[in-house]
C-alpha atoms as a PDB file:
ATOM      1  CA  UNK A   1     -42.539 -32.334  58.228  1.00  0.00           C
ATOM      2  CA  UNK A   2     -42.061 -35.955  59.206  1.00  0.00           C
ATOM      3  CA  UNK A   3     -38.809 -37.684  58.473  1.00  0.00           C
ATOM      4  CA  UNK A   4     -39.526 -40.797  56.405  1.00  0.00           C
ATOM      5  CA  UNK A   5     -36.105 -42.226  57.176  1.00  0.00           C
ATOM      6  CA  UNK A   6     -35.967 -45.235  59.470  1.00  0.00           C
ATOM      7  CA  UNK A   7     -33.955 -45.084  62.661  1.00  0.00           C
ATOM      8  CA  UNK A   8     -32.572 -47.480  65.241  1.00  0.00           C
ATOM      9  CA  UNK A   9     -31.852 -47.420  68.940  1.00  0.00           C
ATOM     10  CA  UNK A  10     -28.329 -48.677  69.636  1.00  0.00           C
ATOM     11  CA  UNK A  11     -26.934 -49.327  73.109  1.00  0.00           C
ATOM     12  CA  UNK A  12     -23.252 -48.497  73.499  1.00  0.00           C
ATOM     13  CA  UNK A  13     -21.020 -48.275  76.539  1.00  0.00           C
ATOM     14  CA  UNK A  14     -19.032 -45.153  77.303  1.00  0.00           C
ATOM     15  CA  UNK A  15     -15.828 -46.807  76.046  1.00  0.00           C
ATOM     16  CA  UNK A  16     -17.564 -47.889  72.821  1.00  0.00           C
ATOM     17  CA  UNK A  17     -18.715 -44.316  72.192  1.00  0.00           C
ATOM     18  CA  UNK A  18     -15.129 -43.134  72.778  1.00  0.00           C
ATOM     19  CA  UNK A  19     -13.851 -45.721  70.265  1.00  0.00           C
ATOM     20  CA  UNK A  20     -16.385 -44.549  67.675  1.00  0.00           C
ATOM     21  CA  UNK A  21     -15.257 -40.946  68.153  1.00  0.00           C
ATOM     22  CA  UNK A  22     -11.602 -41.974  67.739  1.00  0.00           C
ATOM     23  CA  UNK A  23     -12.433 -43.972  64.616  1.00  0.00           C
ATOM     24  CA  UNK A  24     -14.336 -41.056  63.146  1.00  0.00           C
ATOM     25  CA  UNK A  25     -11.390 -38.771  63.888  1.00  0.00           C
ATOM     26  CA  UNK A  26      -9.027 -41.104  62.008  1.00  0.00           C
ATOM     27  CA  UNK A  27     -11.517 -41.358  59.136  1.00  0.00           C
ATOM     28  CA  UNK A  28     -11.836 -37.587  58.993  1.00  0.00           C
ATOM     29  CA  UNK A  29      -8.064 -37.140  58.892  1.00  0.00           C
ATOM     30  CA  UNK A  30      -7.712 -39.765  56.146  1.00  0.00           C
ATOM     31  CA  UNK A  31     -10.481 -38.137  54.108  1.00  0.00           C
ATOM     32  CA  UNK A  32      -8.747 -34.754  54.365  1.00  0.00           C
ATOM     33  CA  UNK A  33      -5.512 -36.360  53.154  1.00  0.00           C
ATOM     34  CA  UNK A  34      -7.327 -37.530  50.021  1.00  0.00           C
ATOM     35  CA  UNK A  35      -9.284 -34.265  49.630  1.00  0.00           C
ATOM     36  CA  UNK A  36     -12.580 -36.055  50.239  1.00  0.00           C
ATOM     37  CA  UNK A  37     -15.602 -34.446  51.836  1.00  0.00           C
ATOM     38  CA  UNK A  38     -15.609 -34.648  55.640  1.00  0.00           C
ATOM     39  CA  UNK A  39     -18.817 -32.779  56.441  1.00  0.00           C
ATOM     40  CA  UNK A  40     -20.829 -35.944  57.163  1.00  0.00           C
ATOM     41  CA  UNK A  41     -18.032 -37.349  59.347  1.00  0.00           C
ATOM     42  CA  UNK A  42     -17.805 -34.084  61.290  1.00  0.00           C
ATOM     43  CA  UNK A  43     -21.568 -34.113  61.941  1.00  0.00           C
ATOM     44  CA  UNK A  44     -21.592 -37.733  63.144  1.00  0.00           C
ATOM     45  CA  UNK A  45     -18.507 -37.162  65.317  1.00  0.00           C
ATOM     46  CA  UNK A  46     -20.140 -34.147  66.965  1.00  0.00           C
ATOM     47  CA  UNK A  47     -23.309 -36.157  67.602  1.00  0.00           C
ATOM     48  CA  UNK A  48     -21.255 -38.857  69.325  1.00  0.00           C
ATOM     49  CA  UNK A  49     -19.434 -36.197  71.362  1.00  0.00           C
ATOM     50  CA  UNK A  50     -22.815 -34.953  72.581  1.00  0.00           C
ATOM     51  CA  UNK A  51     -23.737 -38.521  73.542  1.00  0.00           C
ATOM     52  CA  UNK A  52     -20.421 -38.908  75.401  1.00  0.00           C
ATOM     53  CA  UNK A  53     -20.965 -35.619  77.244  1.00  0.00           C
ATOM     54  CA  UNK A  54     -24.449 -36.802  78.262  1.00  0.00           C
ATOM     55  CA  UNK A  55     -22.990 -40.048  79.587  1.00  0.00           C
ATOM     56  CA  UNK A  56     -20.344 -38.165  81.577  1.00  0.00           C
ATOM     57  CA  UNK A  57     -22.951 -35.757  82.968  1.00  0.00           C
ATOM     58  CA  UNK A  58     -25.159 -38.693  83.952  1.00  0.00           C
ATOM     59  CA  UNK A  59     -22.235 -40.360  85.744  1.00  0.00           C
ATOM     60  CA  UNK A  60     -21.548 -37.139  87.658  1.00  0.00           C
ATOM     61  CA  UNK A  61     -25.204 -36.890  88.685  1.00  0.00           C
ATOM     62  CA  UNK A  62     -25.195 -40.486  89.933  1.00  0.00           C
ATOM     63  CA  UNK A  63     -21.978 -39.888  91.904  1.00  0.00           C
ATOM     64  CA  UNK A  64     -23.454 -36.750  93.479  1.00  0.00           C
ATOM     65  CA  UNK A  65     -26.643 -38.580  94.487  1.00  0.00           C
ATOM     66  CA  UNK A  66     -24.671 -41.503  95.915  1.00  0.00           C
ATOM     67  CA  UNK A  67     -22.414 -39.135  97.878  1.00  0.00           C
ATOM     68  CA  UNK A  68     -25.457 -37.295  99.260  1.00  0.00           C
ATOM     69  CA  UNK A  69     -27.059 -40.582 100.335  1.00  0.00           C
ATOM     70  CA  UNK A  70     -23.801 -41.655 101.987  1.00  0.00           C
ATOM     71  CA  UNK A  71     -23.501 -38.340 103.842  1.00  0.00           C
ATOM     72  CA  UNK A  72     -27.105 -38.599 104.990  1.00  0.00           C
ATOM     73  CA  UNK A  73     -26.499 -42.114 106.324  1.00  0.00           C
ATOM     74  CA  UNK A  74     -23.297 -41.082 108.104  1.00  0.00           C
ATOM     75  CA  UNK A  75     -24.522 -37.687 109.305  1.00  0.00           C
ATOM     76  CA  UNK A  76     -25.322 -36.878 112.921  1.00  0.00           C
ATOM     77  CA  UNK A  77     -28.690 -38.159 114.003  1.00  0.00           C
ATOM     78  CA  UNK A  78     -30.547 -37.068 117.077  1.00  0.00           C
ATOM     79  CA  UNK A  79     -31.698 -39.601 119.579  1.00  0.00           C
ATOM     80  CA  UNK A  80     -34.669 -38.522 121.668  1.00  0.00           C
ATOM     81  CA  UNK A  81     -33.667 -40.746 124.563  1.00  0.00           C
ATOM     82  CA  UNK A  82     -30.083 -39.426 124.495  1.00  0.00           C
ATOM     83  CA  UNK A  83     -31.176 -35.807 124.151  1.00  0.00           C
ATOM     84  CA  UNK A  84     -33.309 -36.117 127.312  1.00  0.00           C
ATOM     85  CA  UNK A  85     -30.292 -36.757 129.554  1.00  0.00           C
END
């Protein structure tokens, strides 16, 4: 079944995603105080947490690749002329 609802692609920084999560947390707490439904807030907050976790995982992967490249550049290299001595 196709979803007939429109969607949008939104670019957010890691800190913006964190601010959205914090805002949703405050909204959820306020809604509970007034006995309002929080199920939609909980779902959106969890979706943003998944996005944040993906960002963090991506940053870790980039750091690992950069560290590997750095180690490869700084690692011992053999020199045929030097090895012949």
